Protein backbone atom coordinates (compact mmCIF):
# COMPACT_ATOMS: atom_id res chain seq x y z
CA ASP A 1 2.12 4.60 -23.38
CA LYS A 2 1.42 7.75 -21.31
CA GLY A 3 -2.07 8.55 -19.87
CA ALA A 4 -3.94 11.97 -20.68
CA TRP A 5 -2.81 13.13 -17.11
CA GLN A 6 0.85 12.56 -17.93
CA GLN A 7 0.71 14.11 -21.31
CA ALA A 8 -0.46 17.22 -20.03
CA LEU A 9 1.83 17.30 -17.10
CA LYS A 10 3.67 20.52 -16.52
CA LYS A 11 4.98 22.21 -13.68
CA GLY A 12 3.50 25.79 -12.71
CA LYS A 13 5.72 28.88 -12.47
CA PRO A 14 7.38 28.90 -9.02
CA THR A 15 5.47 30.65 -6.47
CA GLY A 16 8.08 30.44 -3.68
CA LYS A 17 5.61 28.53 -1.37
CA ARG A 18 6.83 25.37 0.40
CA ILE A 19 4.05 22.81 1.18
CA ALA A 20 4.70 19.85 3.54
CA ILE A 21 2.37 16.90 2.95
CA ILE A 22 2.41 13.99 5.65
CA GLY A 23 1.57 10.66 4.08
CA SER A 24 2.24 9.10 0.40
CA GLY A 25 -1.06 7.45 -0.27
CA PRO A 26 -3.57 8.66 -2.88
CA ALA A 27 -4.47 11.71 -1.15
CA GLY A 28 -0.83 12.83 -0.46
CA LEU A 29 0.29 12.32 -4.02
CA THR A 30 -2.60 13.60 -5.36
CA ALA A 31 -2.09 16.88 -3.46
CA ALA A 32 1.45 16.80 -4.42
CA TYR A 33 1.00 16.64 -7.87
CA TYR A 34 -1.55 19.36 -8.14
CA LEU A 35 0.36 21.75 -5.71
CA ALA A 36 3.51 21.10 -8.01
CA ARG A 37 1.29 22.07 -11.09
CA LEU A 38 0.40 25.17 -9.50
CA GLY A 39 4.22 26.01 -8.78
CA HIS A 40 4.48 25.26 -5.22
CA ALA A 41 7.37 23.23 -3.77
CA ALA A 42 6.06 20.11 -2.49
CA THR A 43 7.51 17.78 -0.16
CA VAL A 44 5.83 14.29 0.87
CA PHE A 45 6.94 12.71 4.20
CA GLU A 46 6.23 9.04 4.45
CA ALA A 47 6.82 6.89 7.35
CA LEU A 48 7.14 3.65 5.29
CA PRO A 49 10.22 2.61 3.33
CA GLU A 50 8.38 3.09 -0.06
CA PRO A 51 5.73 5.64 -1.23
CA GLY A 52 2.32 4.54 -2.14
CA GLY A 53 0.51 4.23 1.20
CA ALA A 54 -2.52 1.94 1.21
CA MET A 55 -1.95 1.41 -2.63
CA ARG A 56 1.33 -0.17 -1.74
CA ALA A 57 0.59 -1.70 1.71
CA TYR A 58 -3.08 -3.25 1.22
CA ILE A 59 -3.77 -3.55 -2.47
CA PRO A 60 -2.38 -7.00 -3.75
CA GLU A 61 0.04 -6.71 -6.52
CA TYR A 62 -2.15 -9.04 -8.93
CA ARG A 63 -4.54 -5.84 -8.69
CA LEU A 64 -2.15 -2.91 -8.73
CA PRO A 65 1.17 -4.13 -10.33
CA ARG A 66 4.01 -2.49 -8.51
CA GLU A 67 5.59 -1.40 -11.87
CA VAL A 68 2.45 0.78 -12.69
CA LEU A 69 2.53 2.31 -9.03
CA ASN A 70 6.16 2.97 -9.00
CA SER A 71 5.90 4.46 -12.67
CA GLU A 72 3.29 6.78 -11.67
CA ILE A 73 5.05 7.96 -8.46
CA GLU A 74 8.14 8.77 -10.66
CA VAL A 75 6.09 10.86 -12.98
CA ILE A 76 4.92 12.90 -9.92
CA LYS A 77 8.48 13.12 -8.51
CA GLY A 78 9.50 14.26 -12.28
CA ILE A 79 7.63 17.46 -12.05
CA GLY A 80 9.80 18.22 -8.99
CA VAL A 81 7.73 16.62 -6.12
CA GLU A 82 10.16 15.57 -3.33
CA ILE A 83 9.34 12.46 -1.37
CA LYS A 84 11.23 11.46 1.75
CA THR A 85 10.52 7.94 2.86
CA ASN A 86 11.47 6.43 6.22
CA ASN A 87 10.37 9.79 7.53
CA ARG A 88 7.62 9.87 10.25
CA ILE A 89 6.41 13.04 11.27
CA ASP A 90 5.29 13.59 14.67
CA SER A 91 4.80 17.41 15.00
CA VAL A 92 3.13 19.72 12.50
CA ASP A 93 4.56 22.66 14.29
CA GLU A 94 8.16 21.37 13.66
CA LEU A 95 7.41 21.44 9.81
CA SER A 96 6.32 25.06 10.29
CA LYS A 97 9.46 25.86 12.08
CA GLN A 98 11.50 24.31 8.99
CA GLY A 99 9.76 26.94 6.90
CA TYR A 100 6.89 25.34 5.40
CA ASP A 101 4.18 27.72 4.38
CA ALA A 102 1.54 24.96 4.88
CA VAL A 103 1.20 21.37 5.98
CA LEU A 104 -1.52 18.98 4.52
CA VAL A 105 -1.99 15.92 7.01
CA ALA A 106 -2.98 12.91 4.45
CA VAL A 107 -2.04 9.86 6.58
CA GLY A 108 -5.14 7.82 5.63
CA ALA A 109 -7.11 5.42 7.91
CA HIS A 110 -4.87 2.31 8.38
CA GLN A 111 -6.66 1.10 11.56
CA PRO A 112 -8.87 -1.99 11.29
CA ILE A 113 -12.41 -1.75 12.31
CA LYS A 114 -13.26 -4.32 15.11
CA MET A 115 -16.48 -6.12 14.58
CA GLY A 116 -17.34 -6.37 18.31
CA ILE A 117 -17.91 -10.03 18.39
CA ASP A 118 -16.67 -12.76 20.94
CA GLY A 119 -13.40 -14.52 19.66
CA GLU A 120 -12.01 -11.77 17.46
CA GLU A 121 -8.95 -11.62 19.51
CA SER A 122 -8.49 -15.30 19.45
CA PRO A 123 -5.30 -16.81 18.21
CA GLY A 124 -5.77 -17.67 14.52
CA VAL A 125 -8.01 -14.66 13.76
CA ILE A 126 -6.29 -11.81 11.67
CA GLU A 127 -7.69 -8.74 10.22
CA SER A 128 -7.71 -8.46 6.71
CA LEU A 129 -5.68 -5.21 6.46
CA SER A 130 -3.08 -6.91 8.68
CA LEU A 131 -2.93 -10.06 6.46
CA LEU A 132 -2.83 -7.89 3.01
CA ARG A 133 0.09 -5.85 4.64
CA LYS A 134 2.04 -8.90 5.64
CA VAL A 135 2.00 -10.47 2.55
CA ASN A 136 2.58 -7.24 0.46
CA GLU A 137 5.68 -6.83 2.61
CA GLY A 138 6.92 -10.28 1.47
CA GLN A 139 6.24 -12.13 4.78
CA LYS A 140 4.72 -15.57 4.61
CA VAL A 141 1.68 -15.88 6.64
CA SER A 142 0.64 -19.27 7.81
CA LEU A 143 -3.35 -19.69 7.45
CA GLY A 144 -3.94 -23.36 7.31
CA ASP A 145 -5.94 -25.31 4.88
CA ARG A 146 -9.40 -23.71 5.68
CA VAL A 147 -9.78 -19.88 6.08
CA ALA A 148 -13.12 -18.14 6.89
CA VAL A 149 -13.35 -14.46 5.86
CA VAL A 150 -15.84 -12.40 7.40
CA GLY A 151 -17.07 -9.50 5.26
CA GLY A 152 -17.70 -8.59 1.82
CA GLY A 153 -15.84 -5.61 0.76
CA ASN A 154 -12.94 -5.10 -1.17
CA SER A 155 -10.40 -6.05 1.45
CA ALA A 156 -12.51 -9.20 2.40
CA ILE A 157 -12.16 -10.49 -1.22
CA ASP A 158 -8.73 -9.53 -1.61
CA ALA A 159 -8.01 -11.41 2.01
CA ALA A 160 -9.96 -14.41 0.44
CA ARG A 161 -8.05 -14.47 -2.85
CA VAL A 162 -4.62 -13.87 -0.90
CA ALA A 163 -5.52 -16.70 1.62
CA ARG A 164 -5.80 -19.02 -1.61
CA ARG A 165 -2.49 -17.65 -3.13
CA GLN A 166 -0.94 -18.41 0.57
CA GLY A 167 -2.07 -21.97 0.04
CA ALA A 168 -5.41 -22.29 1.85
CA LYS A 169 -7.33 -24.86 0.03
CA GLU A 170 -10.85 -23.97 1.33
């Protein structure tokens, strides 16, 4: 069943403009979608092996099923958006030299926020985004039977639920 945004999907009349988008997370994919609808040739560059950015790297599959994410990315590709994975961009100038008329940097904020407390660098302490990414990449993370999660935002709740799914009893 297609959503309203998919039913109204149509590519705009070609403008001849080429736009490079660095990052295939929510901002990059959304920009590519709207640029293609306006008729621009949008190319998304993603450093990771699969598109989706934080949606794929940090949101657990039980909250965002991969088939849903993949399906929506396929719709975006279906209107002509090109996505180049395993393609880290280190120079915006280089993209301009390749003939892109504009470059959007949509790399997200993938750096964990330190709390600034004693012990946060100790063995056995893992930041929630690191935990979530490792689990989403299929790595088994050994957490032990008792896990303490410090925080109360979405990633803290996800980390607590993932810890349970990884075998933590408490």
